[in-house]
N, C-alpha and C. Protein backbone atom coordinates (compact mmCIF):
# COMPACT_ATOMS: atom_id res chain seq x y z
N UNK A 1 6.87 -43.46 -19.46
CA UNK A 1 6.11 -43.34 -20.69
C UNK A 1 6.79 -44.05 -21.84
N UNK A 2 8.16 -44.14 -21.75
CA UNK A 2 8.91 -44.80 -22.81
C UNK A 2 8.56 -46.27 -22.93
N UNK A 3 8.32 -46.96 -21.81
CA UNK A 3 7.97 -48.38 -21.83
C UNK A 3 6.61 -48.56 -22.49
N UNK A 4 5.70 -47.68 -22.24
CA UNK A 4 4.37 -47.77 -22.82
C UNK A 4 4.42 -47.63 -24.34
N UNK A 5 5.24 -46.73 -24.83
CA UNK A 5 5.37 -46.55 -26.28
C UNK A 5 5.94 -47.81 -26.90
N UNK A 6 6.96 -48.38 -26.27
CA UNK A 6 7.56 -49.59 -26.81
C UNK A 6 6.55 -50.74 -26.79
N UNK A 7 5.77 -50.85 -25.72
CA UNK A 7 4.77 -51.92 -25.63
C UNK A 7 3.70 -51.72 -26.70
N UNK A 8 3.25 -50.48 -26.89
CA UNK A 8 2.23 -50.22 -27.92
C UNK A 8 2.78 -50.52 -29.30
N UNK A 9 4.02 -50.13 -29.54
CA UNK A 9 4.63 -50.41 -30.84
C UNK A 9 4.76 -51.90 -31.06
N UNK A 10 5.17 -52.60 -30.02
CA UNK A 10 5.33 -54.05 -30.15
C UNK A 10 4.00 -54.73 -30.40
N UNK A 11 2.97 -54.29 -29.71
CA UNK A 11 1.64 -54.88 -29.91
C UNK A 11 1.13 -54.58 -31.31
N UNK A 12 1.33 -53.36 -31.77
CA UNK A 12 0.89 -52.98 -33.11
C UNK A 12 1.64 -53.77 -34.17
N UNK A 13 2.94 -53.93 -33.99
CA UNK A 13 3.73 -54.69 -34.95
C UNK A 13 3.32 -56.16 -34.95
N UNK A 14 3.06 -56.72 -33.76
CA UNK A 14 2.63 -58.11 -33.68
C UNK A 14 1.27 -58.30 -34.35
N UNK A 15 0.37 -57.35 -34.15
CA UNK A 15 -0.95 -57.45 -34.79
C UNK A 15 -0.83 -57.37 -36.31
N UNK A 16 0.05 -56.49 -36.79
CA UNK A 16 0.25 -56.39 -38.23
C UNK A 16 0.84 -57.68 -38.79
N UNK A 17 1.82 -58.24 -38.08
CA UNK A 17 2.43 -59.48 -38.54
C UNK A 17 1.41 -60.62 -38.53
N UNK A 18 0.59 -60.68 -37.50
CA UNK A 18 -0.44 -61.73 -37.44
C UNK A 18 -1.46 -61.56 -38.56
N UNK A 19 -1.85 -60.34 -38.83
CA UNK A 19 -2.80 -60.10 -39.92
C UNK A 19 -2.22 -60.46 -41.26
N UNK A 20 -0.96 -60.10 -41.47
CA UNK A 20 -0.32 -60.42 -42.73
C UNK A 20 -0.17 -61.93 -42.88
N UNK A 21 0.21 -62.60 -41.81
CA UNK A 21 0.36 -64.06 -41.85
C UNK A 21 -0.98 -64.72 -42.14
N UNK A 22 -2.03 -64.24 -41.52
CA UNK A 22 -3.36 -64.82 -41.76
C UNK A 22 -3.78 -64.63 -43.21
N UNK A 23 -3.48 -63.46 -43.77
CA UNK A 23 -3.84 -63.21 -45.16
C UNK A 23 -3.04 -64.09 -46.11
N UNK A 24 -1.74 -64.19 -45.87
CA UNK A 24 -0.91 -64.93 -46.80
C UNK A 24 -1.02 -66.44 -46.61
N UNK A 25 -1.39 -66.89 -45.42
CA UNK A 25 -1.46 -68.32 -45.16
C UNK A 25 -2.83 -68.91 -45.44
N UNK A 26 -3.84 -68.07 -45.70
CA UNK A 26 -5.16 -68.63 -45.95
C UNK A 26 -5.14 -69.39 -47.26
N UNK A 27 -5.47 -70.68 -47.22
CA UNK A 27 -5.38 -71.49 -48.42
C UNK A 27 -6.47 -71.13 -49.41
N UNK A 28 -6.14 -71.27 -50.66
CA UNK A 28 -7.16 -71.13 -51.68
C UNK A 28 -8.07 -72.34 -51.56
N UNK A 29 -9.25 -72.25 -52.14
CA UNK A 29 -10.14 -73.38 -52.04
C UNK A 29 -9.46 -74.60 -52.64
N UNK A 30 -9.38 -75.63 -51.84
CA UNK A 30 -8.68 -76.83 -52.26
C UNK A 30 -9.45 -77.51 -53.39
N UNK A 31 -8.71 -78.06 -54.34
CA UNK A 31 -9.33 -78.75 -55.45
C UNK A 31 -9.91 -80.06 -54.95
N UNK A 32 -11.14 -80.34 -55.33
CA UNK A 32 -11.81 -81.57 -54.93
C UNK A 32 -11.57 -82.59 -56.03
N UNK A 33 -11.09 -83.77 -55.65
CA UNK A 33 -10.83 -84.80 -56.64
C UNK A 33 -12.00 -85.77 -56.69
N UNK A 34 -12.23 -86.33 -57.86
CA UNK A 34 -13.29 -87.31 -58.06
C UNK A 34 -12.67 -88.61 -58.52
N UNK A 35 -13.10 -89.75 -58.05
CA UNK A 35 -14.08 -89.91 -56.99
C UNK A 35 -13.55 -89.33 -55.68
N UNK A 36 -14.47 -89.07 -54.78
CA UNK A 36 -14.10 -88.47 -53.51
C UNK A 36 -13.16 -89.39 -52.73
N UNK A 37 -12.25 -88.79 -51.96
CA UNK A 37 -11.29 -89.58 -51.18
C UNK A 37 -12.00 -90.35 -50.07
N UNK A 38 -13.00 -89.73 -49.48
CA UNK A 38 -13.77 -90.38 -48.42
C UNK A 38 -15.11 -89.66 -48.30
N UNK A 39 -15.97 -90.16 -47.45
CA UNK A 39 -17.30 -89.57 -47.31
C UNK A 39 -17.26 -88.20 -46.65
N UNK A 40 -16.25 -87.95 -45.82
CA UNK A 40 -16.11 -86.61 -45.22
C UNK A 40 -15.84 -85.57 -46.30
N UNK A 41 -14.98 -85.92 -47.28
CA UNK A 41 -14.69 -84.99 -48.38
C UNK A 41 -15.94 -84.73 -49.21
N UNK A 42 -16.74 -85.76 -49.43
CA UNK A 42 -17.98 -85.58 -50.18
C UNK A 42 -18.96 -84.72 -49.41
N UNK A 43 -19.05 -84.95 -48.10
CA UNK A 43 -19.99 -84.18 -47.27
C UNK A 43 -19.59 -82.71 -47.19
N UNK A 44 -18.29 -82.43 -47.24
CA UNK A 44 -17.84 -81.03 -47.17
C UNK A 44 -18.36 -80.20 -48.33
N UNK A 45 -18.59 -80.82 -49.48
CA UNK A 45 -19.12 -80.08 -50.62
C UNK A 45 -20.61 -80.33 -50.81
N UNK A 46 -21.23 -81.11 -49.91
CA UNK A 46 -22.68 -81.31 -49.95
C UNK A 46 -23.15 -82.47 -50.80
N UNK A 47 -22.30 -83.48 -50.99
CA UNK A 47 -22.68 -84.63 -51.81
C UNK A 47 -22.86 -85.85 -50.90
N UNK A 48 -24.02 -86.48 -51.01
CA UNK A 48 -24.35 -87.68 -50.23
C UNK A 48 -25.03 -88.68 -51.16
N UNK A 49 -25.12 -89.93 -50.75
CA UNK A 49 -25.86 -90.96 -51.50
C UNK A 49 -25.43 -91.01 -52.96
N UNK A 50 -24.16 -91.25 -53.20
CA UNK A 50 -23.57 -91.20 -54.54
C UNK A 50 -23.83 -92.52 -55.26
N UNK A 51 -24.62 -92.51 -56.35
CA UNK A 51 -24.93 -93.76 -57.04
C UNK A 51 -23.75 -94.27 -57.87
N UNK A 52 -23.67 -95.59 -58.01
CA UNK A 52 -22.64 -96.20 -58.84
C UNK A 52 -22.81 -95.69 -60.28
N UNK A 53 -21.69 -95.45 -60.95
CA UNK A 53 -21.73 -94.96 -62.33
C UNK A 53 -21.60 -93.46 -62.44
N UNK A 54 -21.64 -92.75 -61.32
CA UNK A 54 -21.44 -91.30 -61.38
C UNK A 54 -19.98 -90.98 -61.07
N UNK A 55 -19.56 -89.77 -61.41
CA UNK A 55 -18.15 -89.39 -61.29
C UNK A 55 -17.65 -89.40 -59.85
N UNK A 56 -18.49 -89.13 -58.89
CA UNK A 56 -18.06 -89.06 -57.50
C UNK A 56 -18.01 -90.40 -56.80
N UNK A 57 -18.56 -91.46 -57.42
CA UNK A 57 -18.65 -92.77 -56.78
C UNK A 57 -17.32 -93.51 -56.82
N UNK A 58 -17.02 -94.20 -55.75
CA UNK A 58 -15.89 -95.11 -55.68
C UNK A 58 -16.27 -96.28 -54.79
N UNK A 59 -15.74 -97.46 -55.08
CA UNK A 59 -16.11 -98.63 -54.29
C UNK A 59 -15.69 -98.46 -52.82
N UNK A 60 -14.65 -97.65 -52.57
CA UNK A 60 -14.23 -97.40 -51.19
C UNK A 60 -15.25 -96.57 -50.41
N UNK A 61 -16.19 -95.94 -51.11
CA UNK A 61 -17.23 -95.14 -50.46
C UNK A 61 -18.48 -95.97 -50.15
N UNK A 62 -18.56 -97.14 -50.73
CA UNK A 62 -19.75 -97.99 -50.61
C UNK A 62 -19.45 -99.13 -49.64
N UNK A 63 -19.60 -98.87 -48.35
CA UNK A 63 -19.26 -99.85 -47.31
C UNK A 63 -20.13 -101.09 -47.36
N UNK A 64 -21.42 -100.92 -47.67
CA UNK A 64 -22.32 -102.06 -47.65
C UNK A 64 -22.50 -102.71 -49.02
N UNK A 65 -21.85 -102.16 -50.06
CA UNK A 65 -21.89 -102.77 -51.38
C UNK A 65 -23.24 -102.73 -52.07
N UNK A 66 -24.08 -101.74 -51.74
CA UNK A 66 -25.40 -101.66 -52.34
C UNK A 66 -25.46 -100.78 -53.58
N UNK A 67 -24.31 -100.26 -54.03
CA UNK A 67 -24.30 -99.42 -55.23
C UNK A 67 -24.51 -97.95 -54.94
N UNK A 68 -24.53 -97.57 -53.68
CA UNK A 68 -24.68 -96.17 -53.29
C UNK A 68 -23.59 -95.85 -52.27
N UNK A 69 -22.74 -94.89 -52.60
CA UNK A 69 -21.66 -94.51 -51.70
C UNK A 69 -22.08 -93.39 -50.77
N UNK A 70 -21.49 -93.38 -49.60
CA UNK A 70 -21.75 -92.33 -48.59
C UNK A 70 -23.23 -92.23 -48.25
N UNK A 71 -23.88 -93.38 -48.14
CA UNK A 71 -25.30 -93.38 -47.79
C UNK A 71 -25.45 -93.59 -46.29
N UNK A 72 -26.30 -92.78 -45.73
CA UNK A 72 -26.60 -92.89 -44.30
C UNK A 72 -28.01 -92.35 -44.09
N UNK A 73 -28.71 -92.88 -43.12
CA UNK A 73 -30.07 -92.38 -42.84
C UNK A 73 -30.04 -90.89 -42.51
N UNK A 74 -30.96 -90.18 -43.07
CA UNK A 74 -31.09 -88.75 -42.79
C UNK A 74 -30.24 -87.84 -43.65
N UNK A 75 -29.47 -88.39 -44.59
CA UNK A 75 -28.66 -87.54 -45.45
C UNK A 75 -29.46 -87.12 -46.68
N UNK A 76 -29.14 -85.95 -47.25
CA UNK A 76 -29.89 -85.46 -48.42
C UNK A 76 -29.71 -86.37 -49.64
N UNK A 77 -30.60 -86.21 -50.59
CA UNK A 77 -30.52 -86.97 -51.84
C UNK A 77 -29.30 -86.52 -52.64
N UNK A 78 -28.85 -87.36 -53.56
CA UNK A 78 -27.71 -87.07 -54.42
C UNK A 78 -28.01 -85.86 -55.29
N UNK A 79 -27.05 -84.95 -55.40
CA UNK A 79 -27.22 -83.72 -56.18
C UNK A 79 -26.17 -83.71 -57.29
N UNK A 80 -26.56 -84.07 -58.50
CA UNK A 80 -25.65 -84.16 -59.64
C UNK A 80 -25.06 -82.81 -60.00
N UNK A 81 -25.78 -81.72 -59.76
CA UNK A 81 -25.27 -80.40 -60.15
C UNK A 81 -23.99 -80.02 -59.38
N UNK A 82 -23.87 -80.49 -58.14
CA UNK A 82 -22.65 -80.20 -57.37
C UNK A 82 -21.46 -80.92 -58.01
N UNK A 83 -21.65 -82.17 -58.39
CA UNK A 83 -20.57 -82.94 -59.03
C UNK A 83 -20.23 -82.34 -60.38
N UNK A 84 -21.23 -81.91 -61.14
CA UNK A 84 -20.98 -81.26 -62.44
C UNK A 84 -20.15 -79.99 -62.26
N UNK A 85 -20.44 -79.23 -61.21
CA UNK A 85 -19.68 -78.00 -60.94
C UNK A 85 -18.22 -78.33 -60.61
N UNK A 86 -18.01 -79.38 -59.82
CA UNK A 86 -16.65 -79.80 -59.48
C UNK A 86 -15.89 -80.21 -60.73
N UNK A 87 -16.56 -80.94 -61.61
CA UNK A 87 -15.93 -81.37 -62.86
C UNK A 87 -15.55 -80.16 -63.69
N UNK A 88 -16.44 -79.19 -63.78
CA UNK A 88 -16.16 -77.98 -64.57
C UNK A 88 -15.00 -77.18 -63.97
N UNK A 89 -14.95 -77.08 -62.63
CA UNK A 89 -13.90 -76.29 -61.99
C UNK A 89 -12.54 -76.94 -62.09
N UNK A 90 -12.47 -78.27 -62.02
CA UNK A 90 -11.19 -78.95 -61.93
C UNK A 90 -10.70 -79.57 -63.23
N UNK A 91 -11.58 -79.83 -64.15
CA UNK A 91 -11.19 -80.55 -65.36
C UNK A 91 -11.55 -79.79 -66.62
N UNK A 92 -11.28 -78.52 -66.66
CA UNK A 92 -11.59 -77.77 -67.86
C UNK A 92 -10.63 -78.21 -68.97
N UNK A 93 -11.17 -78.72 -70.06
CA UNK A 93 -10.28 -79.19 -71.13
C UNK A 93 -9.56 -78.02 -71.79
N UNK A 94 -8.30 -78.26 -72.11
CA UNK A 94 -7.51 -77.23 -72.80
C UNK A 94 -7.97 -77.15 -74.24
N UNK A 95 -7.98 -75.96 -74.82
CA UNK A 95 -8.37 -75.86 -76.23
C UNK A 95 -7.38 -76.63 -77.11
N UNK A 96 -7.88 -77.22 -78.18
CA UNK A 96 -7.01 -78.03 -79.04
C UNK A 96 -5.98 -77.17 -79.76
N UNK A 97 -6.36 -75.98 -80.17
CA UNK A 97 -5.40 -75.07 -80.78
C UNK A 97 -5.42 -73.77 -80.00
N UNK A 98 -4.25 -73.20 -79.72
CA UNK A 98 -4.24 -71.96 -78.95
C UNK A 98 -4.88 -70.82 -79.75
N UNK A 99 -5.63 -69.95 -79.06
CA UNK A 99 -6.24 -68.82 -79.77
C UNK A 99 -5.15 -67.88 -80.27
N UNK A 100 -5.36 -67.34 -81.44
CA UNK A 100 -4.38 -66.45 -82.06
C UNK A 100 -4.90 -65.01 -82.06
N UNK A 101 -3.98 -64.08 -81.97
CA UNK A 101 -4.33 -62.67 -82.04
C UNK A 101 -4.50 -62.33 -83.52
N UNK A 102 -5.65 -61.76 -83.93
CA UNK A 102 -5.87 -61.51 -85.36
C UNK A 102 -4.88 -60.51 -85.95
N UNK A 103 -4.56 -59.47 -85.21
CA UNK A 103 -3.58 -58.50 -85.70
C UNK A 103 -2.57 -58.23 -84.59
N UNK A 104 -1.33 -58.04 -84.99
CA UNK A 104 -0.29 -57.80 -84.01
C UNK A 104 -0.35 -56.36 -83.53
N UNK A 105 -0.42 -56.14 -82.21
CA UNK A 105 -0.41 -54.77 -81.70
C UNK A 105 0.91 -54.10 -82.05
N UNK A 106 0.88 -52.79 -82.17
CA UNK A 106 2.09 -52.04 -82.49
C UNK A 106 3.09 -52.21 -81.36
N UNK A 107 4.29 -52.66 -81.70
CA UNK A 107 5.34 -52.83 -80.70
C UNK A 107 5.29 -54.16 -79.99
N UNK A 108 4.32 -55.01 -80.32
CA UNK A 108 4.22 -56.30 -79.65
C UNK A 108 5.13 -57.33 -80.28
N UNK A 109 5.52 -58.31 -79.49
CA UNK A 109 6.37 -59.39 -79.97
C UNK A 109 5.48 -60.57 -80.31
N UNK A 110 5.65 -61.11 -81.50
CA UNK A 110 4.82 -62.23 -81.96
C UNK A 110 5.30 -63.55 -81.39
N UNK A 111 4.80 -63.95 -80.21
CA UNK A 111 5.20 -65.23 -79.61
C UNK A 111 4.23 -66.35 -79.96
N UNK A 112 2.99 -66.01 -80.28
CA UNK A 112 2.00 -67.03 -80.60
C UNK A 112 1.36 -67.65 -79.36
N UNK A 113 1.73 -67.19 -78.18
CA UNK A 113 1.19 -67.73 -76.94
C UNK A 113 0.23 -66.71 -76.34
N UNK A 114 -1.00 -67.13 -76.12
CA UNK A 114 -1.99 -66.23 -75.53
C UNK A 114 -1.82 -66.21 -74.02
N UNK A 115 -2.00 -65.06 -73.42
CA UNK A 115 -1.92 -64.93 -71.97
C UNK A 115 -3.31 -65.04 -71.39
N UNK A 116 -3.47 -65.96 -70.46
CA UNK A 116 -4.76 -66.15 -69.79
C UNK A 116 -4.79 -65.28 -68.53
N UNK A 117 -5.92 -64.68 -68.23
CA UNK A 117 -6.00 -63.92 -66.97
C UNK A 117 -5.93 -64.87 -65.78
N UNK A 118 -5.25 -64.44 -64.74
CA UNK A 118 -5.10 -65.27 -63.54
C UNK A 118 -6.42 -65.33 -62.78
N UNK A 119 -6.78 -66.52 -62.32
CA UNK A 119 -8.02 -66.70 -61.57
C UNK A 119 -7.76 -66.89 -60.08
N UNK A 120 -6.58 -66.48 -59.63
CA UNK A 120 -6.30 -66.64 -58.20
C UNK A 120 -6.39 -65.28 -57.51
N UNK A 121 -6.30 -65.31 -56.21
CA UNK A 121 -6.44 -64.08 -55.42
C UNK A 121 -5.12 -63.62 -54.83
N UNK A 122 -4.01 -63.97 -55.46
CA UNK A 122 -2.71 -63.60 -54.95
C UNK A 122 -2.57 -62.08 -54.88
N UNK A 123 -3.00 -61.38 -55.91
CA UNK A 123 -2.90 -59.93 -55.93
C UNK A 123 -3.66 -59.29 -54.78
N UNK A 124 -4.85 -59.80 -54.50
CA UNK A 124 -5.65 -59.25 -53.40
C UNK A 124 -4.98 -59.52 -52.06
N UNK A 125 -4.38 -60.71 -51.91
CA UNK A 125 -3.69 -61.03 -50.67
C UNK A 125 -2.48 -60.12 -50.46
N UNK A 126 -1.73 -59.89 -51.53
CA UNK A 126 -0.56 -59.02 -51.41
C UNK A 126 -0.99 -57.59 -51.10
N UNK A 127 -2.01 -57.10 -51.77
CA UNK A 127 -2.50 -55.76 -51.51
C UNK A 127 -3.01 -55.64 -50.08
N UNK A 128 -3.77 -56.62 -49.62
CA UNK A 128 -4.27 -56.59 -48.25
C UNK A 128 -3.15 -56.61 -47.23
N UNK A 129 -2.14 -57.44 -47.47
CA UNK A 129 -0.99 -57.49 -46.57
C UNK A 129 -0.23 -56.18 -46.55
N UNK A 130 -0.08 -55.57 -47.73
CA UNK A 130 0.59 -54.27 -47.80
C UNK A 130 -0.18 -53.19 -47.06
N UNK A 131 -1.49 -53.21 -47.18
CA UNK A 131 -2.31 -52.22 -46.47
C UNK A 131 -2.22 -52.41 -44.96
N UNK A 132 -2.19 -53.68 -44.52
CA UNK A 132 -2.06 -53.95 -43.09
C UNK A 132 -0.72 -53.43 -42.58
N UNK A 133 0.34 -53.70 -43.32
CA UNK A 133 1.66 -53.23 -42.90
C UNK A 133 1.74 -51.70 -42.92
N UNK A 134 1.14 -51.08 -43.94
CA UNK A 134 1.15 -49.61 -44.00
C UNK A 134 0.37 -49.01 -42.83
N UNK A 135 -0.75 -49.63 -42.47
CA UNK A 135 -1.53 -49.14 -41.33
C UNK A 135 -0.74 -49.31 -40.04
N UNK A 136 -0.04 -50.43 -39.91
CA UNK A 136 0.77 -50.64 -38.71
C UNK A 136 1.90 -49.62 -38.62
N UNK A 137 2.54 -49.35 -39.74
CA UNK A 137 3.63 -48.37 -39.74
C UNK A 137 3.09 -46.97 -39.42
N UNK A 138 1.94 -46.62 -39.97
CA UNK A 138 1.33 -45.32 -39.68
C UNK A 138 0.93 -45.21 -38.22
N UNK A 139 0.37 -46.28 -37.67
CA UNK A 139 -0.01 -46.27 -36.25
C UNK A 139 1.20 -46.14 -35.35
N UNK A 140 2.27 -46.85 -35.69
CA UNK A 140 3.50 -46.75 -34.91
C UNK A 140 4.05 -45.33 -34.96
N UNK A 141 4.03 -44.73 -36.13
CA UNK A 141 4.53 -43.36 -36.29
C UNK A 141 3.71 -42.39 -35.43
N UNK A 142 2.38 -42.54 -35.46
CA UNK A 142 1.54 -41.64 -34.67
C UNK A 142 1.75 -41.83 -33.17
N UNK A 143 1.89 -43.08 -32.74
CA UNK A 143 2.12 -43.35 -31.32
C UNK A 143 3.44 -42.73 -30.88
N UNK A 144 4.48 -42.90 -31.65
CA UNK A 144 5.78 -42.32 -31.30
C UNK A 144 5.74 -40.80 -31.34
N UNK A 145 5.06 -40.25 -32.31
CA UNK A 145 5.00 -38.78 -32.42
C UNK A 145 4.27 -38.19 -31.21
N UNK A 146 3.16 -38.83 -30.82
CA UNK A 146 2.40 -38.32 -29.66
C UNK A 146 3.20 -38.44 -28.38
N UNK A 147 3.96 -39.54 -28.24
CA UNK A 147 4.73 -39.73 -27.00
C UNK A 147 5.88 -38.73 -26.92
N UNK A 148 6.50 -38.38 -28.04
CA UNK A 148 7.59 -37.41 -28.00
C UNK A 148 7.04 -35.99 -27.81
N UNK A 149 5.84 -35.75 -28.28
CA UNK A 149 5.24 -34.42 -28.11
C UNK A 149 4.84 -34.18 -26.65
N UNK A 150 4.45 -35.27 -25.96
CA UNK A 150 4.01 -35.12 -24.59
C UNK A 150 5.17 -35.12 -23.61
N UNK A 151 6.36 -35.56 -24.02
CA UNK A 151 7.53 -35.60 -23.12
C UNK A 151 8.08 -34.24 -22.85
């Protein structure tokens, strides 16, 4: 019975480690650069038939030199709203003057630098990883407790 407990604990620990690794290694949505690096990058976000003069167009995308990049029979029409969204997500202009706090909170230090809320999911990843590890530790404890009770 002792070998079975060790095997169960090892499997549970490996599953927890794999879950934590998957959570922490999952990449955030990669920033899309304009013009697109290639037609595959444009297709991944749903942009096809990119006309010359638009932000997503590059001469390297226009193989036949007709003024339309990533054009192929059967592909959807160009969608400017997708490119506009990419521009908004990646190129948000910084404010010219930093916003100021109108009144200093009691006990606060006047640095003049505003704190922006984080827009990443690091906190959720850490919390998820912690919950996975806690569940693995609880499962290991229960498995060991049951095996010692039955011995």
